[in-house]
Amino acid sequence: MKLFTSSLILIMTLFIMTCAFASERKDKHTQRNEMHSCGTPTDPAGEFVTGVHVKKNWLLCSDEFDTPRVGGTENFRNKTELWQIEDRFVPILQCLPGSAVTGIHVDRKALACAPIIPPITMPLTYFPDRGVTQREGMHACPKGYPLAGINVKENILLCGAQY
C-alpha cells in the first residue's frame, strides 16, 4: 500500500508540474523554412502547434512537450493517410509516427514536424477533432495534445502522438 501511495503521489506531482509550467501562445508571424512556425525563426526546440486558424494565419503554440536533444531536428517527410471519420474516409496530411507539427504551409500542403516526447499523462494514439475544441479564437486540439496532422478543407485536426 505504501508503494502504491508513493507512486500515486509521484504521478500527481508530475502531472501538476506539467500543467503548471506549460503555456500556450498565439503566434501570428514567426517564419522558419518558408512556413509559419512555432518556436523562434532559428530554433523549433520545445514548441509544437496545438491549434490553427487558417484564414487569419494564426498558430497556437505550446511548450508543454519535449523534443529529444539528439535528432530533434525538423523533417518534412509528411504522408497523407485516409482516416475513417463517421461513414467515409478522409485524407489527412500528417507527421510521421513519433513526431508532431512545428509549422504549416497551407498553400503548399506541407507540415514541418519534429520528434516529440509526449507527457506521461498523454495516451499514445491519434484522434481526429472536427472543430469541437476551440481555444484563443481558433480550432485546437484538446489541452495537452499536440497537432499531428490536418485536413484544411474538412476542418479536421489530427491530435496526439503515435509511437
N, C-alpha and C. Protein backbone atom coordinates (compact mmCIF):
# COMPACT_ATOMS: atom_id res chain seq x y z
N MET A 1 0.82 -1.19 0.00
CA MET A 1 0.00 0.00 0.00
C MET A 1 0.87 1.26 0.00
N LYS A 2 1.97 1.20 0.75
CA LYS A 2 2.87 2.36 0.84
C LYS A 2 3.49 2.65 -0.53
N LEU A 3 3.87 1.61 -1.27
CA LEU A 3 4.45 1.77 -2.60
C LEU A 3 3.41 2.38 -3.55
N PHE A 4 2.18 1.92 -3.47
CA PHE A 4 1.10 2.46 -4.31
C PHE A 4 0.89 3.95 -4.01
N THR A 5 0.84 4.31 -2.73
CA THR A 5 0.64 5.71 -2.34
C THR A 5 1.80 6.57 -2.82
N SER A 6 3.01 6.10 -2.67
CA SER A 6 4.19 6.85 -3.14
C SER A 6 4.15 7.04 -4.65
N SER A 7 3.79 5.99 -5.36
CA SER A 7 3.70 6.07 -6.83
C SER A 7 2.61 7.06 -7.25
N LEU A 8 1.48 7.01 -6.57
CA LEU A 8 0.39 7.92 -6.89
C LEU A 8 0.79 9.37 -6.63
N ILE A 9 1.47 9.64 -5.56
CA ILE A 9 1.94 10.99 -5.25
C ILE A 9 2.92 11.47 -6.30
N LEU A 10 3.82 10.60 -6.74
CA LEU A 10 4.79 10.95 -7.78
C LEU A 10 4.09 11.29 -9.09
N ILE A 11 3.13 10.47 -9.50
CA ILE A 11 2.39 10.72 -10.74
C ILE A 11 1.62 12.03 -10.66
N MET A 12 0.95 12.28 -9.55
CA MET A 12 0.20 13.53 -9.39
C MET A 12 1.12 14.74 -9.40
N THR A 13 2.28 14.63 -8.77
CA THR A 13 3.24 15.73 -8.76
C THR A 13 3.72 16.03 -10.17
N LEU A 14 4.05 15.00 -10.94
CA LEU A 14 4.49 15.20 -12.32
C LEU A 14 3.38 15.83 -13.16
N PHE A 15 2.16 15.38 -12.96
CA PHE A 15 1.02 15.94 -13.70
C PHE A 15 0.84 17.41 -13.37
N ILE A 16 0.88 17.77 -12.10
CA ILE A 16 0.72 19.16 -11.68
C ILE A 16 1.85 20.01 -12.21
N MET A 17 3.08 19.51 -12.17
CA MET A 17 4.22 20.27 -12.69
C MET A 17 4.07 20.51 -14.19
N THR A 18 3.62 19.50 -14.92
CA THR A 18 3.42 19.65 -16.36
C THR A 18 2.39 20.72 -16.64
N CYS A 19 1.28 20.70 -15.92
CA CYS A 19 0.21 21.67 -16.14
C CYS A 19 0.62 23.07 -15.70
N ALA A 20 1.37 23.16 -14.59
CA ALA A 20 1.71 24.46 -14.04
C ALA A 20 2.70 25.22 -14.90
N PHE A 21 3.61 24.55 -15.56
CA PHE A 21 4.66 25.24 -16.29
C PHE A 21 4.42 25.32 -17.79
N ALA A 22 3.47 24.58 -18.28
CA ALA A 22 3.19 24.60 -19.71
C ALA A 22 2.41 25.86 -20.05
N SER A 23 2.72 26.42 -21.19
CA SER A 23 1.98 27.60 -21.61
C SER A 23 1.70 27.54 -23.11
N GLU A 24 0.64 28.21 -23.50
CA GLU A 24 0.29 28.32 -24.91
C GLU A 24 0.33 29.80 -25.28
N ARG A 25 0.68 30.05 -26.53
CA ARG A 25 0.68 31.44 -27.01
C ARG A 25 0.21 31.45 -28.45
N LYS A 26 -0.40 32.55 -28.83
CA LYS A 26 -0.86 32.73 -30.20
C LYS A 26 0.29 33.33 -31.00
N ASP A 27 0.65 32.68 -32.11
CA ASP A 27 1.72 33.18 -32.97
C ASP A 27 1.11 33.63 -34.29
N LYS A 28 1.42 34.88 -34.67
CA LYS A 28 0.85 35.44 -35.89
C LYS A 28 1.88 35.64 -36.99
N HIS A 29 3.17 35.44 -36.71
CA HIS A 29 4.14 35.84 -37.73
C HIS A 29 5.45 35.05 -37.81
N THR A 30 5.78 34.18 -36.88
CA THR A 30 7.09 33.51 -36.93
C THR A 30 7.21 32.66 -38.20
N GLN A 31 8.28 32.88 -38.95
CA GLN A 31 8.55 32.14 -40.19
C GLN A 31 9.84 31.34 -40.03
N ARG A 32 9.81 30.08 -40.45
CA ARG A 32 11.01 29.25 -40.48
C ARG A 32 10.82 28.26 -41.61
N ASN A 33 11.84 28.05 -42.38
CA ASN A 33 11.77 27.12 -43.52
C ASN A 33 10.62 27.47 -44.46
N GLU A 34 10.42 28.75 -44.67
CA GLU A 34 9.40 29.27 -45.58
C GLU A 34 7.98 28.84 -45.21
N MET A 35 7.72 28.70 -43.92
CA MET A 35 6.37 28.42 -43.47
C MET A 35 6.14 29.01 -42.09
N HIS A 36 4.87 29.21 -41.74
CA HIS A 36 4.51 29.72 -40.42
C HIS A 36 4.83 28.64 -39.39
N SER A 37 5.57 29.02 -38.34
CA SER A 37 6.06 28.02 -37.40
C SER A 37 5.98 28.48 -35.95
N CYS A 38 5.97 27.53 -35.05
CA CYS A 38 6.13 27.81 -33.63
C CYS A 38 7.63 27.86 -33.34
N GLY A 39 7.99 28.33 -32.16
CA GLY A 39 9.41 28.44 -31.81
C GLY A 39 9.94 29.80 -32.23
N THR A 40 11.22 29.85 -32.52
CA THR A 40 11.84 31.09 -33.00
C THR A 40 12.22 30.89 -34.46
N PRO A 41 12.61 31.96 -35.16
CA PRO A 41 12.99 31.78 -36.56
C PRO A 41 14.13 30.80 -36.79
N THR A 42 14.95 30.54 -35.78
CA THR A 42 16.08 29.63 -35.97
C THR A 42 15.99 28.34 -35.16
N ASP A 43 15.08 28.25 -34.20
CA ASP A 43 15.07 27.09 -33.32
C ASP A 43 13.65 26.66 -32.95
N PRO A 44 13.22 25.47 -33.39
CA PRO A 44 11.89 24.99 -33.05
C PRO A 44 11.80 24.31 -31.68
N ALA A 45 12.94 24.17 -31.02
CA ALA A 45 13.00 23.32 -29.82
C ALA A 45 11.94 23.66 -28.79
N GLY A 46 11.17 22.64 -28.45
CA GLY A 46 10.25 22.75 -27.33
C GLY A 46 8.90 23.39 -27.61
N GLU A 47 8.63 23.83 -28.84
CA GLU A 47 7.31 24.38 -29.13
C GLU A 47 6.66 23.62 -30.28
N PHE A 48 5.44 23.18 -30.04
CA PHE A 48 4.68 22.46 -31.04
C PHE A 48 3.35 23.15 -31.26
N VAL A 49 2.78 22.96 -32.43
CA VAL A 49 1.48 23.52 -32.77
C VAL A 49 0.38 22.72 -32.06
N THR A 50 -0.55 23.45 -31.44
CA THR A 50 -1.70 22.79 -30.82
C THR A 50 -3.02 23.29 -31.41
N GLY A 51 -2.97 24.36 -32.21
CA GLY A 51 -4.18 24.89 -32.83
C GLY A 51 -3.86 25.72 -34.06
N VAL A 52 -4.86 25.91 -34.92
CA VAL A 52 -4.66 26.62 -36.19
C VAL A 52 -5.91 27.44 -36.52
N HIS A 53 -5.69 28.68 -36.98
CA HIS A 53 -6.76 29.46 -37.61
C HIS A 53 -6.24 29.77 -39.01
N VAL A 54 -6.69 28.99 -39.99
CA VAL A 54 -6.15 29.06 -41.34
C VAL A 54 -6.38 30.43 -41.97
N LYS A 55 -7.59 30.96 -41.90
CA LYS A 55 -7.90 32.23 -42.58
C LYS A 55 -7.12 33.41 -42.00
N LYS A 56 -6.88 33.41 -40.70
CA LYS A 56 -6.14 34.51 -40.08
C LYS A 56 -4.63 34.23 -40.01
N ASN A 57 -4.22 33.02 -40.42
CA ASN A 57 -2.81 32.61 -40.36
C ASN A 57 -2.25 32.68 -38.94
N TRP A 58 -3.00 32.15 -38.00
CA TRP A 58 -2.57 32.08 -36.61
C TRP A 58 -2.24 30.64 -36.25
N LEU A 59 -1.26 30.49 -35.37
CA LEU A 59 -0.95 29.19 -34.78
C LEU A 59 -1.07 29.31 -33.28
N LEU A 60 -1.52 28.27 -32.62
CA LEU A 60 -1.47 28.18 -31.17
C LEU A 60 -0.28 27.28 -30.86
N CYS A 61 0.68 27.82 -30.13
CA CYS A 61 1.93 27.11 -29.86
C CYS A 61 2.04 26.78 -28.38
N SER A 62 2.55 25.59 -28.08
CA SER A 62 2.67 25.15 -26.70
C SER A 62 4.09 24.66 -26.42
N ASP A 63 4.55 24.97 -25.21
CA ASP A 63 5.88 24.50 -24.79
C ASP A 63 5.78 23.34 -23.81
N GLU A 64 4.61 22.70 -23.73
CA GLU A 64 4.46 21.63 -22.73
C GLU A 64 5.01 20.29 -23.17
N PHE A 65 5.46 20.19 -24.40
CA PHE A 65 6.00 18.93 -24.91
C PHE A 65 7.51 19.06 -25.03
N ASP A 66 8.19 17.93 -24.99
CA ASP A 66 9.64 17.96 -25.10
C ASP A 66 10.04 17.28 -26.40
N THR A 67 11.22 17.64 -26.88
CA THR A 67 11.76 17.03 -28.08
C THR A 67 13.12 16.45 -27.73
N PRO A 68 13.48 15.31 -28.29
CA PRO A 68 14.78 14.72 -27.98
C PRO A 68 15.91 15.68 -28.38
N ARG A 69 16.90 15.78 -27.56
CA ARG A 69 18.03 16.68 -27.86
C ARG A 69 18.91 16.11 -28.97
N VAL A 70 18.90 14.80 -29.13
CA VAL A 70 19.66 14.18 -30.23
C VAL A 70 18.66 13.85 -31.32
N GLY A 71 18.88 14.33 -32.50
CA GLY A 71 17.98 14.04 -33.61
C GLY A 71 16.68 14.80 -33.52
N GLY A 72 16.66 15.90 -32.78
CA GLY A 72 15.44 16.67 -32.61
C GLY A 72 15.20 17.71 -33.69
N THR A 73 15.72 17.47 -34.88
CA THR A 73 15.55 18.45 -35.94
C THR A 73 14.25 18.23 -36.68
N GLU A 74 13.80 19.28 -37.36
CA GLU A 74 12.55 19.18 -38.11
C GLU A 74 12.73 18.31 -39.34
N ASN A 75 11.63 17.72 -39.77
CA ASN A 75 11.63 16.95 -41.02
C ASN A 75 10.39 17.33 -41.80
N PHE A 76 10.42 17.05 -43.07
CA PHE A 76 9.33 17.44 -43.94
C PHE A 76 8.79 16.23 -44.71
N ARG A 77 9.02 15.04 -44.16
CA ARG A 77 8.52 13.82 -44.78
C ARG A 77 7.13 13.54 -44.25
N ASN A 78 6.16 14.24 -44.80
CA ASN A 78 4.77 14.05 -44.39
C ASN A 78 4.15 12.95 -45.23
N LYS A 79 3.07 12.44 -44.77
CA LYS A 79 2.32 11.46 -45.54
C LYS A 79 0.84 11.79 -45.43
N THR A 80 0.10 11.42 -46.43
CA THR A 80 -1.34 11.59 -46.38
C THR A 80 -1.95 10.20 -46.24
N GLU A 81 -2.75 10.04 -45.20
CA GLU A 81 -3.41 8.77 -44.97
C GLU A 81 -4.91 8.98 -44.91
N LEU A 82 -5.64 7.95 -45.25
CA LEU A 82 -7.10 8.02 -45.17
C LEU A 82 -7.54 7.61 -43.78
N TRP A 83 -8.39 8.44 -43.18
CA TRP A 83 -8.94 8.17 -41.86
C TRP A 83 -10.43 7.99 -41.99
N GLN A 84 -10.96 6.98 -41.37
CA GLN A 84 -12.41 6.80 -41.40
C GLN A 84 -13.02 7.71 -40.34
N ILE A 85 -13.82 8.66 -40.83
CA ILE A 85 -14.49 9.60 -39.94
C ILE A 85 -15.97 9.50 -40.26
N GLU A 86 -16.71 9.10 -39.24
CA GLU A 86 -18.12 8.79 -39.40
C GLU A 86 -18.26 7.70 -40.46
N ASP A 87 -18.90 7.98 -41.60
CA ASP A 87 -19.15 6.91 -42.57
C ASP A 87 -18.32 7.02 -43.84
N ARG A 88 -17.23 7.79 -43.81
CA ARG A 88 -16.42 7.94 -45.02
C ARG A 88 -14.94 8.07 -44.67
N PHE A 89 -14.12 7.95 -45.68
CA PHE A 89 -12.68 8.08 -45.49
C PHE A 89 -12.24 9.48 -45.92
N VAL A 90 -11.41 10.12 -45.10
CA VAL A 90 -10.97 11.49 -45.33
C VAL A 90 -9.44 11.51 -45.34
N PRO A 91 -8.82 12.14 -46.36
CA PRO A 91 -7.36 12.24 -46.37
C PRO A 91 -6.88 13.29 -45.37
N ILE A 92 -5.88 12.94 -44.59
CA ILE A 92 -5.31 13.87 -43.62
C ILE A 92 -3.80 13.89 -43.80
N LEU A 93 -3.25 15.09 -44.04
CA LEU A 93 -1.81 15.27 -44.11
C LEU A 93 -1.27 15.17 -42.69
N GLN A 94 -0.30 14.31 -42.46
CA GLN A 94 0.15 14.11 -41.09
C GLN A 94 1.66 13.89 -41.00
N CYS A 95 2.17 14.13 -39.79
CA CYS A 95 3.57 13.87 -39.49
C CYS A 95 3.79 12.36 -39.39
N LEU A 96 5.04 11.97 -39.48
CA LEU A 96 5.39 10.57 -39.29
C LEU A 96 5.21 10.19 -37.82
N PRO A 97 4.99 8.91 -37.52
CA PRO A 97 4.87 8.49 -36.12
C PRO A 97 6.07 8.96 -35.29
N GLY A 98 5.80 9.39 -34.07
CA GLY A 98 6.86 9.88 -33.18
C GLY A 98 7.14 11.36 -33.35
N SER A 99 6.38 12.02 -34.23
CA SER A 99 6.59 13.44 -34.50
C SER A 99 5.28 14.20 -34.35
N ALA A 100 5.40 15.52 -34.17
CA ALA A 100 4.23 16.40 -34.13
C ALA A 100 4.58 17.67 -34.91
N VAL A 101 3.56 18.46 -35.22
CA VAL A 101 3.71 19.63 -36.09
C VAL A 101 4.39 20.80 -35.36
N THR A 102 5.38 21.39 -36.04
CA THR A 102 6.02 22.62 -35.55
C THR A 102 5.73 23.79 -36.49
N GLY A 103 5.29 23.50 -37.72
CA GLY A 103 4.99 24.55 -38.68
C GLY A 103 4.07 24.04 -39.77
N ILE A 104 3.42 24.99 -40.47
CA ILE A 104 2.47 24.60 -41.51
C ILE A 104 2.48 25.62 -42.64
N HIS A 105 2.37 25.13 -43.86
CA HIS A 105 2.19 25.97 -45.04
C HIS A 105 0.98 25.41 -45.78
N VAL A 106 -0.17 26.07 -45.61
CA VAL A 106 -1.44 25.56 -46.13
C VAL A 106 -1.42 25.46 -47.65
N ASP A 107 -0.96 26.52 -48.34
CA ASP A 107 -1.00 26.51 -49.80
C ASP A 107 -0.14 25.41 -50.41
N ARG A 108 1.00 25.11 -49.80
CA ARG A 108 1.88 24.04 -50.31
C ARG A 108 1.49 22.67 -49.77
N LYS A 109 0.51 22.64 -48.88
CA LYS A 109 0.11 21.38 -48.22
C LYS A 109 1.33 20.71 -47.59
N ALA A 110 2.05 21.49 -46.76
CA ALA A 110 3.28 21.00 -46.14
C ALA A 110 3.25 21.24 -44.63
N LEU A 111 3.80 20.29 -43.91
CA LEU A 111 3.96 20.40 -42.47
C LEU A 111 5.44 20.29 -42.13
N ALA A 112 5.89 21.07 -41.15
CA ALA A 112 7.19 20.83 -40.53
C ALA A 112 6.90 20.03 -39.27
N CYS A 113 7.62 18.96 -39.08
CA CYS A 113 7.38 18.08 -37.94
C CYS A 113 8.71 17.85 -37.20
N ALA A 114 8.63 17.60 -35.92
CA ALA A 114 9.81 17.31 -35.13
C ALA A 114 9.48 16.16 -34.18
N PRO A 115 10.50 15.38 -33.83
CA PRO A 115 10.28 14.31 -32.85
C PRO A 115 9.74 14.88 -31.55
N ILE A 116 8.86 14.15 -30.92
CA ILE A 116 8.23 14.63 -29.69
C ILE A 116 8.31 13.56 -28.61
N ILE A 117 8.49 14.02 -27.38
CA ILE A 117 8.39 13.15 -26.22
C ILE A 117 7.13 13.61 -25.49
N PRO A 118 6.03 12.88 -25.64
CA PRO A 118 4.79 13.32 -25.01
C PRO A 118 4.84 13.17 -23.50
N PRO A 119 4.06 13.99 -22.78
CA PRO A 119 3.98 13.82 -21.32
C PRO A 119 3.43 12.43 -20.98
N ILE A 120 3.80 11.92 -19.84
CA ILE A 120 3.36 10.58 -19.45
C ILE A 120 1.85 10.50 -19.30
N THR A 121 1.18 11.64 -19.17
CA THR A 121 -0.27 11.63 -19.00
C THR A 121 -1.01 11.53 -20.32
N MET A 122 -0.31 11.59 -21.46
CA MET A 122 -0.98 11.57 -22.76
C MET A 122 -0.98 10.17 -23.35
N PRO A 123 -2.16 9.63 -23.66
CA PRO A 123 -2.20 8.32 -24.32
C PRO A 123 -1.52 8.40 -25.68
N LEU A 124 -0.83 7.36 -26.08
CA LEU A 124 -0.11 7.35 -27.35
C LEU A 124 -1.03 6.90 -28.47
N THR A 125 -1.85 7.80 -28.93
CA THR A 125 -2.77 7.50 -30.01
C THR A 125 -3.16 8.78 -30.73
N TYR A 126 -3.56 8.64 -31.98
CA TYR A 126 -4.10 9.77 -32.72
C TYR A 126 -5.62 9.77 -32.61
N PHE A 127 -6.22 10.94 -32.71
CA PHE A 127 -7.66 11.01 -32.82
C PHE A 127 -8.03 12.29 -33.56
N PRO A 128 -9.08 12.26 -34.38
CA PRO A 128 -9.49 13.45 -35.13
C PRO A 128 -10.37 14.37 -34.29
N ASP A 129 -10.20 15.69 -34.49
CA ASP A 129 -11.06 16.69 -33.87
C ASP A 129 -11.69 17.49 -35.00
N ARG A 130 -13.01 17.47 -35.09
CA ARG A 130 -13.73 18.10 -36.19
C ARG A 130 -14.20 19.51 -35.86
N GLY A 131 -13.41 20.28 -35.13
CA GLY A 131 -13.78 21.66 -34.83
C GLY A 131 -14.48 21.83 -33.50
N VAL A 132 -14.58 20.75 -32.74
CA VAL A 132 -15.24 20.80 -31.45
C VAL A 132 -14.45 21.66 -30.46
N THR A 133 -13.14 21.49 -30.44
CA THR A 133 -12.29 22.18 -29.48
C THR A 133 -11.86 23.54 -30.02
N GLN A 134 -12.10 24.58 -29.25
CA GLN A 134 -11.73 25.95 -29.62
C GLN A 134 -10.98 26.58 -28.45
N ARG A 135 -9.84 27.22 -28.76
CA ARG A 135 -9.10 28.00 -27.76
C ARG A 135 -8.45 29.17 -28.47
N GLU A 136 -8.38 30.31 -27.80
CA GLU A 136 -7.73 31.50 -28.35
C GLU A 136 -8.31 31.89 -29.72
N GLY A 137 -9.59 31.64 -29.92
CA GLY A 137 -10.24 32.03 -31.17
C GLY A 137 -9.88 31.17 -32.37
N MET A 138 -9.47 29.94 -32.12
CA MET A 138 -9.12 29.06 -33.24
C MET A 138 -9.42 27.60 -32.91
N HIS A 139 -9.48 26.78 -33.95
CA HIS A 139 -9.66 25.33 -33.81
C HIS A 139 -8.37 24.77 -33.21
N ALA A 140 -8.50 24.00 -32.15
CA ALA A 140 -7.32 23.48 -31.46
C ALA A 140 -7.54 22.03 -31.06
N CYS A 141 -6.44 21.36 -30.79
CA CYS A 141 -6.51 20.04 -30.19
C CYS A 141 -6.90 20.22 -28.73
N PRO A 142 -7.49 19.21 -28.10
CA PRO A 142 -7.77 19.33 -26.68
C PRO A 142 -6.49 19.64 -25.90
N LYS A 143 -6.63 20.37 -24.82
CA LYS A 143 -5.48 20.76 -24.00
C LYS A 143 -4.63 19.53 -23.67
N GLY A 144 -3.33 19.66 -23.86
CA GLY A 144 -2.42 18.57 -23.55
C GLY A 144 -2.08 17.68 -24.72
N TYR A 145 -2.61 17.99 -25.93
CA TYR A 145 -2.34 17.18 -27.11
C TYR A 145 -1.76 18.05 -28.23
N PRO A 146 -0.68 17.59 -28.88
CA PRO A 146 -0.11 18.34 -30.00
C PRO A 146 -0.87 18.04 -31.29
N LEU A 147 -0.69 18.91 -32.27
CA LEU A 147 -1.23 18.68 -33.61
C LEU A 147 -0.31 17.70 -34.34
N ALA A 148 -0.90 16.66 -34.93
CA ALA A 148 -0.12 15.67 -35.66
C ALA A 148 -0.46 15.65 -37.14
N GLY A 149 -1.59 16.29 -37.52
CA GLY A 149 -1.99 16.31 -38.91
C GLY A 149 -3.19 17.21 -39.11
N ILE A 150 -3.53 17.46 -40.40
CA ILE A 150 -4.62 18.40 -40.68
C ILE A 150 -5.26 18.11 -42.04
N ASN A 151 -6.54 18.34 -42.12
CA ASN A 151 -7.26 18.41 -43.39
C ASN A 151 -7.96 19.76 -43.35
N VAL A 152 -7.41 20.75 -44.07
CA VAL A 152 -7.92 22.12 -44.03
C VAL A 152 -9.34 22.19 -44.58
N LYS A 153 -9.56 21.55 -45.72
CA LYS A 153 -10.87 21.63 -46.38
C LYS A 153 -12.00 21.13 -45.49
N GLU A 154 -11.76 20.04 -44.77
CA GLU A 154 -12.78 19.44 -43.91
C GLU A 154 -12.75 19.97 -42.47
N ASN A 155 -11.78 20.85 -42.16
CA ASN A 155 -11.63 21.41 -40.81
C ASN A 155 -11.43 20.31 -39.77
N ILE A 156 -10.51 19.39 -40.08
CA ILE A 156 -10.21 18.28 -39.17
C ILE A 156 -8.76 18.39 -38.73
N LEU A 157 -8.55 18.34 -37.42
CA LEU A 157 -7.20 18.26 -36.88
C LEU A 157 -6.98 16.85 -36.39
N LEU A 158 -5.78 16.33 -36.63
CA LEU A 158 -5.39 15.03 -36.08
C LEU A 158 -4.53 15.36 -34.86
N CYS A 159 -4.98 14.93 -33.70
CA CYS A 159 -4.32 15.30 -32.45
C CYS A 159 -3.67 14.09 -31.80
N GLY A 160 -2.62 14.33 -31.03
CA GLY A 160 -1.97 13.27 -30.28
C GLY A 160 -0.61 12.91 -30.81
N ALA A 161 -0.09 11.81 -30.34
CA ALA A 161 1.21 11.31 -30.75
C ALA A 161 1.12 9.80 -30.87
N GLN A 162 1.88 9.24 -31.78
CA GLN A 162 1.84 7.80 -32.01
C GLN A 162 3.27 7.27 -32.09
N TYR A 163 3.52 6.14 -31.43
CA TYR A 163 4.84 5.51 -31.49
C TYR A 163 4.71 4.09 -31.92
